[in-house]
Protein backbone atom coordinates (compact mmCIF):
# COMPACT_ATOMS: atom_id res chain seq x y z
CA MET A 1 -19.41 -26.98 -11.00
CA ASN A 2 -20.18 -30.22 -8.74
CA ASN A 3 -18.31 -31.16 -5.57
CA PHE A 4 -15.41 -32.56 -7.66
CA GLU A 5 -14.46 -30.45 -9.91
CA LEU A 6 -14.17 -27.60 -6.78
CA PHE A 7 -11.86 -29.77 -5.27
CA ILE A 8 -9.83 -30.39 -8.32
CA VAL A 9 -9.48 -26.54 -8.61
CA THR A 10 -8.87 -26.13 -4.63
CA VAL A 11 -6.75 -28.30 -5.05
CA GLY A 12 -4.79 -26.94 -8.05
CA MET A 13 -4.83 -22.66 -7.03
CA THR A 14 -3.47 -24.22 -4.09
CA ALA A 15 -0.19 -25.89 -5.74
CA ILE A 16 0.76 -23.72 -7.41
CA THR A 17 0.37 -20.81 -4.93
CA LEU A 18 2.69 -23.42 -3.02
CA LEU A 19 5.03 -23.27 -6.00
CA THR A 20 4.74 -19.43 -6.69
CA ARG A 21 5.64 -18.29 -3.55
CA SER A 22 8.25 -20.45 -1.76
CA PHE A 23 10.08 -20.69 -5.76
CA PHE A 24 12.59 -18.56 -4.00
CA MET A 25 13.04 -21.24 -1.00
CA LEU A 26 14.04 -24.64 -3.27
CA ARG A 27 17.33 -23.43 -3.76
CA ARG A 28 20.16 -23.43 -1.16
CA ASP A 29 22.71 -20.42 -2.05
CA PRO A 30 21.83 -17.33 -2.67
CA TRP A 31 20.21 -16.20 -5.95
CA PRO A 32 22.96 -13.36 -7.38
CA MET A 33 21.63 -10.04 -8.19
CA PRO A 34 23.29 -7.25 -9.61
CA ALA A 35 23.52 -4.50 -7.05
CA TRP A 36 21.26 -1.88 -9.34
CA LEU A 37 18.73 -5.03 -8.63
CA THR A 38 19.53 -4.98 -4.88
CA GLU A 39 19.71 -1.17 -4.97
CA GLY A 40 16.03 -0.81 -6.00
CA LEU A 41 14.39 -3.82 -4.35
CA ARG A 42 14.95 -1.34 -1.67
CA TYR A 43 12.28 1.22 -2.62
CA ALA A 44 9.93 -1.86 -3.47
CA PRO A 45 7.90 -1.42 0.23
CA LEU A 46 7.27 2.81 -0.87
CA ALA A 47 6.88 2.47 -4.38
CA ALA A 48 4.02 -0.56 -3.48
CA MET A 49 2.55 2.03 -1.23
CA VAL A 50 2.29 4.56 -3.06
CA ALA A 51 0.75 3.04 -5.93
CA VAL A 52 -2.25 2.04 -2.75
CA VAL A 53 -2.22 5.57 -0.77
CA ALA A 54 -1.97 8.07 -3.62
CA PRO A 55 -4.62 7.00 -5.62
CA GLU A 56 -7.10 7.72 -2.50
CA VAL A 57 -6.34 10.79 -1.73
CA VAL A 58 -6.38 12.77 -4.99
CA MET A 59 -9.45 10.50 -6.02
CA SER A 60 -13.19 10.70 -6.03
CA HIS A 61 -15.40 7.99 -7.09
CA GLY A 62 -12.75 7.59 -9.99
CA GLN A 63 -12.60 11.45 -10.40
CA LEU A 64 -9.27 13.30 -9.25
CA VAL A 65 -10.61 15.68 -7.11
CA GLN A 66 -11.84 19.15 -7.85
CA THR A 67 -11.88 20.90 -4.80
CA TRP A 68 -9.14 22.23 -2.13
CA LYS A 69 -12.03 22.49 0.12
CA ASP A 70 -11.26 18.06 0.01
CA ALA A 71 -9.90 16.85 4.02
CA ARG A 72 -7.95 14.23 2.77
CA LEU A 73 -5.40 16.13 0.65
CA PHE A 74 -5.06 18.39 4.44
CA GLY A 75 -4.76 15.41 5.90
CA ALA A 76 -2.16 14.12 3.99
CA ALA A 77 0.16 17.50 3.80
CA ALA A 78 -0.04 17.20 6.94
CA ALA A 79 1.11 13.67 7.67
CA THR A 80 3.62 14.17 4.76
CA ALA A 81 4.73 16.98 7.53
CA TRP A 82 5.35 15.37 10.39
CA PHE A 83 6.79 12.50 8.93
CA PHE A 84 9.28 15.54 7.54
CA TRP A 85 10.27 16.74 11.06
CA ARG A 86 9.51 14.20 13.27
CA ARG A 87 10.21 10.81 11.23
CA ASP A 88 7.92 8.63 13.60
CA MET A 89 5.53 6.58 11.82
CA LEU A 90 3.19 6.60 15.13
CA GLY A 91 3.36 10.08 14.73
CA THR A 92 2.40 10.63 10.78
CA ILE A 93 -0.78 8.66 10.88
CA ALA A 94 -2.31 10.11 14.76
CA MET A 95 -1.24 13.33 12.94
CA GLY A 96 -2.89 12.69 8.92
CA THR A 97 -6.03 10.48 10.90
CA GLY A 98 -6.65 13.45 13.49
CA VAL A 99 -6.45 16.31 10.61
CA LEU A 100 -8.65 14.57 8.39
CA LEU A 101 -11.00 13.92 11.45
CA ALA A 102 -10.49 17.50 12.65
CA LEU A 103 -11.66 18.72 9.13
CA ARG A 104 -15.11 16.01 8.77
CA LEU A 105 -16.48 16.07 11.71
CA GLY A 106 -15.87 19.92 12.14
CA LEU A 107 -15.86 21.50 9.24
CA GLY A 108 -18.49 18.85 7.39
CA TRP A 109 -15.27 18.61 4.52
């Protein structure tokens, strides 16, 4: 691929990215959405987060965790318990990370 082709591809990809990411701003009035869709979109960030985090907790090297002696399981459990007890995001992160590090460094899991 020469420099001109690379330039054309870069400009094209930039144009497509700008169009797709700003498409919702082209209309001046709000887009009508049914109530069920608006309600469902409230849970989209949580669903995306679970889709990213859950495989990291329950899988290792593409396989499900085979033993209960995995620090990630206990870290996730402790973080979940902390969140339901205190409803504090910073404490949740600190608790999960603390348990994970304590088990990995302390017990060698």
